[in-house]
Amino acid sequence: MHMLRAMGIRGGIGVLITFACASASALACAQAVEAGPDASSARFNVTLTGQSTKSWDYVTTRVEGECTVTTRVVGSRVVTLRSSRPTIVTATSSAGRTRFSPAVVRFVTVRATQGGSVTTTERGLGCGRRVHVDCVKLRRTLANQALAFFRSRRNEVAFRRTRDFGSGFPTNCPLEALEVRVERPGLHDAQGELSEQDLFRQGIRFQTASGSSVETTDLEGDPDGRVIARVSWSLTLRRR
């Protein structure tokens, strides 16, 4: 019987705001931004950078005749995302609620890599074979992907669940036990802050909302080991 214990740590929410001001002094700049007129809508060039990583390290044990055979599997899969060009998005404010149209980042290039190793060791009377295999490093690229985002709550944005960009690689080297396969990190695992009020202040050139997440899953029994899933992303909205 397998036991699965998951522990999650989520955080790293941040926002970067840059002011557009030509004033010579910091005080004058602050006063100019404060006095700038607000707008109920604004258009932005929106770009995305992000990365999700899944790494696993576990051991399985079986008996073959007089031999006890252990197999250690170490693997990693990295998915990076980057906008090849901006998506034009309009933000509007009505009744204290901010909406984005379209709430999608397009023209995203996704690159995925996978690698790892498998080591099999026999122990017992007359057993001493050890085989180590370094898996061939695999790569693939997907162009023109689109990722939807949304206002998850006031002053916060998040991404909707997408297809698993890391799927489709062979699972025989490195091996993926079922307990490992179910872990599918994605940008939806993290949320990012942004100032909705500052979206409509003309003295602010852009904002960058950033989110990150780390989740550790301990595998107990057979297999025995650990899976670590990490996600980070930055969404930049630059005023047009």
C-alpha atoms as a PDB file:
ATOM      1  CA  MET A   1       0.000   0.000   0.000  1.00  0.00           C
ATOM      2  CA  HIS A   2       1.391   3.393  -1.001  1.00  0.00           C
ATOM      3  CA  MET A   3       1.260   6.412   1.282  1.00  0.00           C
ATOM      4  CA  LEU A   4       1.370   9.876  -0.170  1.00  0.00           C
ATOM      5  CA  ARG A   5       1.995  12.947   1.953  1.00  0.00           C
ATOM      6  CA  ALA A   6       1.997  16.376   0.351  1.00  0.00           C
ATOM      7  CA  MET A   7       3.385  19.588   1.772  1.00  0.00           C
ATOM      8  CA  GLY A   8       2.982  22.889  -0.021  1.00  0.00           C
ATOM      9  CA  ILE A   9       4.654  26.271   0.324  1.00  0.00           C
ATOM     10  CA  ARG A  10       3.284  29.113  -1.741  1.00  0.00           C
ATOM     11  CA  GLY A  11       4.504  32.675  -1.794  1.00  0.00           C
ATOM     12  CA  GLY A  12       6.711  35.151  -3.528  1.00  0.00           C
ATOM     13  CA  ILE A  13       3.838  37.347  -4.632  1.00  0.00           C
ATOM     14  CA  GLY A  14       5.170  40.711  -5.754  1.00  0.00           C
ATOM     15  CA  VAL A  15       4.496  43.724  -7.874  1.00  0.00           C
ATOM     16  CA  LEU A  16       6.851  46.195  -9.545  1.00  0.00           C
ATOM     17  CA  ILE A  17       5.528  49.645 -10.428  1.00  0.00           C
ATOM     18  CA  THR A  18       7.482  52.141 -12.530  1.00  0.00           C
ATOM     19  CA  PHE A  19       6.583  55.820 -12.788  1.00  0.00           C
ATOM     20  CA  ALA A  20       6.936  57.933 -15.912  1.00  0.00           C
ATOM     21  CA  CYS A  21       8.041  61.360 -14.757  1.00  0.00           C
ATOM     22  CA  ALA A  22      10.510  63.822 -16.199  1.00  0.00           C
ATOM     23  CA  SER A  23      10.647  66.068 -13.124  1.00  0.00           C
ATOM     24  CA  ALA A  24      14.108  66.815 -11.748  1.00  0.00           C
ATOM     25  CA  SER A  25      13.289  66.205  -8.087  1.00  0.00           C
ATOM     26  CA  ALA A  26      11.752  63.146  -6.435  1.00  0.00           C
ATOM     27  CA  LEU A  27       9.237  65.342  -4.572  1.00  0.00           C
ATOM     28  CA  ALA A  28       8.097  67.035  -7.753  1.00  0.00           C
ATOM     29  CA  CYS A  29       7.803  63.667  -9.436  1.00  0.00           C
ATOM     30  CA  ALA A  30       5.659  62.272  -6.624  1.00  0.00           C
ATOM     31  CA  GLN A  31       3.430  65.355  -6.713  1.00  0.00           C
ATOM     32  CA  ALA A  32       3.064  65.108 -10.478  1.00  0.00           C
ATOM     33  CA  VAL A  33       2.031  61.459 -10.293  1.00  0.00           C
ATOM     34  CA  GLU A  34      -0.363  62.155  -7.433  1.00  0.00           C
ATOM     35  CA  ALA A  35      -1.997  64.932  -9.382  1.00  0.00           C
ATOM     36  CA  GLY A  36      -2.293  62.964 -12.630  1.00  0.00           C
ATOM     37  CA  PRO A  37      -5.843  62.330 -13.823  1.00  0.00           C
ATOM     38  CA  ASP A  38      -7.307  58.877 -13.450  1.00  0.00           C
ATOM     39  CA  ALA A  39      -8.925  56.999 -16.323  1.00  0.00           C
ATOM     40  CA  SER A  40     -11.578  54.271 -16.334  1.00  0.00           C
ATOM     41  CA  SER A  41      -9.821  52.335 -19.096  1.00  0.00           C
ATOM     42  CA  ALA A  42      -6.266  51.849 -20.316  1.00  0.00           C
ATOM     43  CA  ARG A  43      -4.502  49.798 -22.979  1.00  0.00           C
ATOM     44  CA  PHE A  44      -1.369  47.773 -22.325  1.00  0.00           C
ATOM     45  CA  ASN A  45       1.243  45.726 -24.100  1.00  0.00           C
ATOM     46  CA  VAL A  46       1.239  42.554 -22.031  1.00  0.00           C
ATOM     47  CA  THR A  47       4.122  40.050 -21.942  1.00  0.00           C
ATOM     48  CA  LEU A  48       4.799  36.900 -19.950  1.00  0.00           C
ATOM     49  CA  THR A  49       7.850  35.040 -18.710  1.00  0.00           C
ATOM     50  CA  GLY A  50       7.515  31.903 -16.624  1.00  0.00           C
ATOM     51  CA  GLN A  51       8.947  28.557 -15.644  1.00  0.00           C
ATOM     52  CA  SER A  52       7.668  25.355 -14.077  1.00  0.00           C
ATOM     53  CA  THR A  53       9.946  22.576 -12.869  1.00  0.00           C
ATOM     54  CA  LYS A  54       9.187  19.078 -11.681  1.00  0.00           C
ATOM     55  CA  SER A  55      11.987  16.996 -10.185  1.00  0.00           C
ATOM     56  CA  TRP A  56      11.684  13.528  -8.734  1.00  0.00           C
ATOM     57  CA  ASP A  57      13.979  11.153  -6.876  1.00  0.00           C
ATOM     58  CA  TYR A  58      12.635   7.820  -5.662  1.00  0.00           C
ATOM     59  CA  VAL A  59      13.511   4.159  -5.106  1.00  0.00           C
ATOM     60  CA  THR A  60      11.492   1.018  -5.813  1.00  0.00           C
ATOM     61  CA  THR A  61      12.285  -2.471  -4.499  1.00  0.00           C
ATOM     62  CA  ARG A  62      11.357  -5.899  -5.827  1.00  0.00           C
ATOM     63  CA  VAL A  63      12.497  -9.514  -5.375  1.00  0.00           C
ATOM     64  CA  GLU A  64      13.751 -11.567  -8.320  1.00  0.00           C
ATOM     65  CA  GLY A  65      14.696 -15.107  -7.312  1.00  0.00           C
ATOM     66  CA  GLU A  66      17.432 -14.816  -4.683  1.00  0.00           C
ATOM     67  CA  CYS A  67      18.083 -11.175  -5.469  1.00  0.00           C
ATOM     68  CA  THR A  68      16.636  -8.007  -4.027  1.00  0.00           C
ATOM     69  CA  VAL A  69      16.557  -5.453  -6.803  1.00  0.00           C
ATOM     70  CA  THR A  70      16.389  -1.729  -6.092  1.00  0.00           C
ATOM     71  CA  THR A  71      15.875   0.861  -8.785  1.00  0.00           C
ATOM     72  CA  ARG A  72      16.653   4.499  -8.132  1.00  0.00           C
ATOM     73  CA  VAL A  73      15.127   7.023 -10.503  1.00  0.00           C
ATOM     74  CA  VAL A  74      16.211  10.668 -10.730  1.00  0.00           C
ATOM     75  CA  GLY A  75      14.422  12.909 -13.195  1.00  0.00           C
ATOM     76  CA  SER A  76      13.567  16.489 -13.998  1.00  0.00           C
ATOM     77  CA  ARG A  77      11.300  18.299 -16.433  1.00  0.00           C
ATOM     78  CA  VAL A  78      11.590  22.031 -17.043  1.00  0.00           C
ATOM     79  CA  VAL A  79       9.092  24.140 -18.973  1.00  0.00           C
ATOM     80  CA  THR A  80       9.900  27.774 -19.817  1.00  0.00           C
ATOM     81  CA  LEU A  81       7.454  30.274 -21.277  1.00  0.00           C
ATOM     82  CA  ARG A  82       8.219  33.611 -22.924  1.00  0.00           C
ATOM     83  CA  SER A  83       6.206  36.026 -25.024  1.00  0.00           C
ATOM     84  CA  SER A  84       7.644  36.429 -28.512  1.00  0.00           C
ATOM     85  CA  ARG A  85       5.721  39.704 -28.872  1.00  0.00           C
ATOM     86  CA  PRO A  86       3.209  41.645 -26.748  1.00  0.00           C
ATOM     87  CA  THR A  87      -0.516  41.076 -26.571  1.00  0.00           C
ATOM     88  CA  ILE A  88      -2.652  44.237 -26.535  1.00  0.00           C
ATOM     89  CA  VAL A  89      -5.000  44.108 -23.541  1.00  0.00           C
ATOM     90  CA  THR A  90      -7.528  46.707 -22.387  1.00  0.00           C
ATOM     91  CA  ALA A  91      -8.199  47.119 -18.675  1.00  0.00           C
ATOM     92  CA  THR A  92     -11.475  48.751 -17.608  1.00  0.00           C
ATOM     93  CA  SER A  93     -12.800  49.709 -14.214  1.00  0.00           C
ATOM     94  CA  SER A  94     -16.493  49.706 -13.368  1.00  0.00           C
ATOM     95  CA  ALA A  95     -18.178  49.723  -9.968  1.00  0.00           C
ATOM     96  CA  GLY A  96     -14.842  49.099  -8.288  1.00  0.00           C
ATOM     97  CA  ARG A  97     -14.095  45.990 -10.338  1.00  0.00           C
ATOM     98  CA  THR A  98     -11.303  45.666 -12.902  1.00  0.00           C
ATOM     99  CA  ARG A  99     -11.751  43.658 -16.087  1.00  0.00           C
ATOM    100  CA  PHE A 100      -9.285  42.684 -18.804  1.00  0.00           C
ATOM    101  CA  SER A 101     -10.141  42.230 -22.466  1.00  0.00           C
ATOM    102  CA  PRO A 102      -8.951  39.946 -23.823  1.00  0.00           C
ATOM    103  CA  ALA A 103      -7.784  38.256 -20.621  1.00  0.00           C
ATOM    104  CA  VAL A 104      -5.283  36.226 -22.624  1.00  0.00           C
ATOM    105  CA  VAL A 105      -1.547  36.349 -23.281  1.00  0.00           C
ATOM    106  CA  ARG A 106      -0.876  35.231 -26.844  1.00  0.00           C
ATOM    107  CA  PHE A 107       2.298  34.608 -28.878  1.00  0.00           C
ATOM    108  CA  VAL A 108       3.938  32.603 -26.077  1.00  0.00           C
ATOM    109  CA  THR A 109       6.810  30.269 -26.953  1.00  0.00           C
ATOM    110  CA  VAL A 110       7.037  27.199 -24.711  1.00  0.00           C
ATOM    111  CA  ARG A 111      10.239  25.162 -24.422  1.00  0.00           C
ATOM    112  CA  ALA A 112      10.307  21.902 -22.489  1.00  0.00           C
ATOM    113  CA  THR A 113      13.282  19.705 -21.555  1.00  0.00           C
ATOM    114  CA  GLN A 114      13.514  16.395 -19.752  1.00  0.00           C
ATOM    115  CA  GLY A 115      16.444  14.383 -18.418  1.00  0.00           C
ATOM    116  CA  GLY A 116      17.475  12.041 -15.657  1.00  0.00           C
ATOM    117  CA  SER A 117      18.987   8.661 -14.815  1.00  0.00           C
ATOM    118  CA  VAL A 118      17.999   5.152 -13.739  1.00  0.00           C
ATOM    119  CA  THR A 119      20.242   2.983 -11.537  1.00  0.00           C
ATOM    120  CA  THR A 120      19.414  -0.673 -10.879  1.00  0.00           C
ATOM    121  CA  THR A 121      21.277  -2.597  -8.153  1.00  0.00           C
ATOM    122  CA  GLU A 122      21.022  -6.280  -7.173  1.00  0.00           C
ATOM    123  CA  ARG A 123      21.815  -7.519  -3.675  1.00  0.00           C
ATOM    124  CA  GLY A 124      21.880 -10.999  -2.225  1.00  0.00           C
ATOM    125  CA  LEU A 125      23.790 -14.276  -2.486  1.00  0.00           C
ATOM    126  CA  GLY A 126      25.325 -14.422  -5.930  1.00  0.00           C
ATOM    127  CA  CYS A 127      23.768 -11.070  -6.857  1.00  0.00           C
ATOM    128  CA  GLY A 128      25.933  -8.073  -7.558  1.00  0.00           C
ATOM    129  CA  ARG A 129      24.878  -6.562 -10.843  1.00  0.00           C
ATOM    130  CA  ARG A 130      24.632  -2.767 -11.054  1.00  0.00           C
ATOM    131  CA  VAL A 131      23.422  -0.914 -14.131  1.00  0.00           C
ATOM    132  CA  HIS A 132      23.386   2.865 -14.470  1.00  0.00           C
ATOM    133  CA  VAL A 133      21.727   4.571 -17.429  1.00  0.00           C
ATOM    134  CA  ASP A 134      21.805   8.295 -18.185  1.00  0.00           C
ATOM    135  CA  CYS A 135      18.637   9.153 -20.049  1.00  0.00           C
ATOM    136  CA  VAL A 136      18.883  11.024 -23.324  1.00  0.00           C
ATOM    137  CA  LYS A 137      18.046  14.677 -22.777  1.00  0.00           C
ATOM    138  CA  LEU A 138      14.904  15.518 -24.717  1.00  0.00           C
ATOM    139  CA  ARG A 139      13.684  18.904 -25.908  1.00  0.00           C
ATOM    140  CA  ARG A 140      10.681  20.281 -27.689  1.00  0.00           C
ATOM    141  CA  THR A 141       9.283  23.696 -28.572  1.00  0.00           C
ATOM    142  CA  LEU A 142       5.698  24.892 -28.965  1.00  0.00           C
ATOM    143  CA  ALA A 143       5.103  28.256 -30.642  1.00  0.00           C
ATOM    144  CA  ASN A 144       2.167  30.680 -30.498  1.00  0.00           C
ATOM    145  CA  GLN A 145       0.592  29.337 -27.331  1.00  0.00           C
ATOM    146  CA  ALA A 146      -2.120  31.313 -25.506  1.00  0.00           C
ATOM    147  CA  LEU A 147      -2.618  31.447 -21.738  1.00  0.00           C
ATOM    148  CA  ALA A 148      -5.710  32.888 -20.089  1.00  0.00           C
ATOM    149  CA  PHE A 149      -5.487  34.931 -16.898  1.00  0.00           C
ATOM    150  CA  PHE A 150      -8.123  36.440 -14.625  1.00  0.00           C
ATOM    151  CA  ARG A 151      -8.687  38.697 -11.642  1.00  0.00           C
ATOM    152  CA  SER A 152      -8.580  36.157  -8.828  1.00  0.00           C
ATOM    153  CA  ARG A 153      -9.458  38.785  -6.219  1.00  0.00           C
ATOM    154  CA  ARG A 154      -8.922  42.477  -5.630  1.00  0.00           C
ATOM    155  CA  ASN A 155      -5.371  43.501  -6.643  1.00  0.00           C
ATOM    156  CA  GLU A 156      -4.484  39.952  -7.659  1.00  0.00           C
ATOM    157  CA  VAL A 157      -4.260  38.013 -10.916  1.00  0.00           C
ATOM    158  CA  ALA A 158      -3.853  34.324 -11.651  1.00  0.00           C
ATOM    159  CA  PHE A 159      -3.654  32.017 -14.660  1.00  0.00           C
ATOM    160  CA  ARG A 160      -6.234  29.483 -15.667  1.00  0.00           C
ATOM    161  CA  ARG A 161      -5.197  25.858 -15.968  1.00  0.00           C
ATOM    162  CA  THR A 162      -3.682  25.042 -19.350  1.00  0.00           C
ATOM    163  CA  ARG A 163      -2.700  21.876 -21.134  1.00  0.00           C
ATOM    164  CA  ASP A 164       0.245  20.093 -19.549  1.00  0.00           C
ATOM    165  CA  PHE A 165       3.124  21.487 -21.612  1.00  0.00           C
ATOM    166  CA  GLY A 166       5.442  18.899 -20.056  1.00  0.00           C
ATOM    167  CA  SER A 167       3.423  15.900 -21.241  1.00  0.00           C
ATOM    168  CA  GLY A 168       4.268  13.765 -24.242  1.00  0.00           C
ATOM    169  CA  PHE A 169       7.800  12.820 -23.214  1.00  0.00           C
ATOM    170  CA  PRO A 170       8.651   9.115 -22.795  1.00  0.00           C
ATOM    171  CA  THR A 171       8.118   7.872 -19.230  1.00  0.00           C
ATOM    172  CA  ASN A 172      10.538   4.929 -19.387  1.00  0.00           C
ATOM    173  CA  CYS A 173      13.746   6.945 -18.962  1.00  0.00           C
ATOM    174  CA  PRO A 174      13.539   8.469 -16.509  1.00  0.00           C
ATOM    175  CA  LEU A 175      10.756   6.300 -15.149  1.00  0.00           C
ATOM    176  CA  GLU A 176       7.720   7.983 -13.671  1.00  0.00           C
ATOM    177  CA  ALA A 177       5.729   6.078 -11.088  1.00  0.00           C
ATOM    178  CA  LEU A 178       2.002   6.846 -11.020  1.00  0.00           C
ATOM    179  CA  GLU A 179       2.486   8.876  -7.859  1.00  0.00           C
ATOM    180  CA  VAL A 180       4.984  11.033  -9.748  1.00  0.00           C
ATOM    181  CA  ARG A 181       2.946  11.303 -12.929  1.00  0.00           C
ATOM    182  CA  VAL A 182      -0.029  12.896 -11.182  1.00  0.00           C
ATOM    183  CA  GLU A 183       2.071  15.905 -10.178  1.00  0.00           C
ATOM    184  CA  ARG A 184       1.589  18.480 -12.968  1.00  0.00           C
ATOM    185  CA  PRO A 185       2.845  21.938 -11.996  1.00  0.00           C
ATOM    186  CA  GLY A 186       1.621  24.923 -13.991  1.00  0.00           C
ATOM    187  CA  LEU A 187       1.300  28.702 -13.805  1.00  0.00           C
ATOM    188  CA  HIS A 188      -2.136  28.287 -12.212  1.00  0.00           C
ATOM    189  CA  ASP A 189      -0.390  27.175  -9.001  1.00  0.00           C
ATOM    190  CA  ALA A 190       0.713  30.755  -8.172  1.00  0.00           C
ATOM    191  CA  GLN A 191      -0.959  34.152  -7.892  1.00  0.00           C
ATOM    192  CA  GLY A 192       0.518  37.620  -8.375  1.00  0.00           C
ATOM    193  CA  GLU A 193      -0.294  41.047  -6.967  1.00  0.00           C
ATOM    194  CA  LEU A 194      -0.874  44.207  -8.925  1.00  0.00           C
ATOM    195  CA  SER A 195      -2.342  47.592  -8.044  1.00  0.00           C
ATOM    196  CA  GLU A 196      -5.669  47.954  -9.830  1.00  0.00           C
ATOM    197  CA  GLN A 197      -5.815  51.643  -8.956  1.00  0.00           C
ATOM    198  CA  ASP A 198      -2.412  52.292 -10.525  1.00  0.00           C
ATOM    199  CA  LEU A 199      -3.445  50.620 -13.769  1.00  0.00           C
ATOM    200  CA  PHE A 200      -5.487  53.733 -14.546  1.00  0.00           C
ATOM    201  CA  ARG A 201      -3.025  56.382 -13.362  1.00  0.00           C
ATOM    202  CA  GLN A 202      -1.375  57.873 -16.410  1.00  0.00           C
ATOM    203  CA  GLY A 203       1.851  58.694 -14.581  1.00  0.00           C
ATOM    204  CA  ILE A 204       2.652  54.994 -14.173  1.00  0.00           C
ATOM    205  CA  ARG A 205       4.297  53.388 -17.183  1.00  0.00           C
ATOM    206  CA  PHE A 206       4.009  49.729 -16.285  1.00  0.00           C
ATOM    207  CA  GLN A 207       3.440  47.121 -13.623  1.00  0.00           C
ATOM    208  CA  THR A 208       4.889  43.649 -13.269  1.00  0.00           C
ATOM    209  CA  ALA A 209       2.938  41.110 -11.258  1.00  0.00           C
ATOM    210  CA  SER A 210       4.971  38.089 -10.103  1.00  0.00           C
ATOM    211  CA  GLY A 211       3.913  34.815  -8.563  1.00  0.00           C
ATOM    212  CA  SER A 212       5.784  31.761  -7.312  1.00  0.00           C
ATOM    213  CA  SER A 213       4.975  28.426  -5.720  1.00  0.00           C
ATOM    214  CA  VAL A 214       6.891  25.453  -4.311  1.00  0.00           C
ATOM    215  CA  GLU A 215       5.215  22.152  -3.448  1.00  0.00           C
ATOM    216  CA  THR A 216       6.967  19.103  -2.015  1.00  0.00           C
ATOM    217  CA  THR A 217       5.369  15.653  -2.069  1.00  0.00           C
ATOM    218  CA  ASP A 218       6.912  12.867   0.002  1.00  0.00           C
ATOM    219  CA  LEU A 219       6.356   9.328  -1.289  1.00  0.00           C
ATOM    220  CA  GLU A 220       6.278   6.695   1.457  1.00  0.00           C
ATOM    221  CA  GLY A 221       6.297   2.950   0.876  1.00  0.00           C
ATOM    222  CA  ASP A 222       7.112   1.674  -2.576  1.00  0.00           C
ATOM    223  CA  PRO A 223       8.094   3.916  -4.278  1.00  0.00           C
ATOM    224  CA  ASP A 224       9.888   5.832  -1.577  1.00  0.00           C
ATOM    225  CA  GLY A 225      11.184   9.314  -2.341  1.00  0.00           C
ATOM    226  CA  ARG A 226      10.173  12.868  -3.130  1.00  0.00           C
ATOM    227  CA  VAL A 227       8.694  15.046  -5.868  1.00  0.00           C
ATOM    228  CA  ILE A 228       9.298  18.808  -5.917  1.00  0.00           C
ATOM    229  CA  ALA A 229       7.243  21.126  -8.119  1.00  0.00           C
ATOM    230  CA  ARG A 230       8.273  24.762  -8.584  1.00  0.00           C
ATOM    231  CA  VAL A 231       6.479  27.505 -10.493  1.00  0.00           C
ATOM    232  CA  SER A 232       7.362  31.158 -11.099  1.00  0.00           C
ATOM    233  CA  TRP A 233       6.037  33.753 -13.526  1.00  0.00           C
ATOM    234  CA  SER A 234       6.026  37.485 -14.257  1.00  0.00           C
ATOM    235  CA  LEU A 235       3.271  39.284 -16.137  1.00  0.00           C
ATOM    236  CA  THR A 236       4.202  42.774 -17.346  1.00  0.00           C
ATOM    237  CA  LEU A 237       1.596  45.343 -18.364  1.00  0.00           C
ATOM    238  CA  ARG A 238       3.195  48.267 -20.170  1.00  0.00           C
ATOM    239  CA  ARG A 239       1.015  51.277 -20.976  1.00  0.00           C
ATOM    240  CA  ARG A 240       0.604  52.019 -24.686  1.00  0.00           C
END
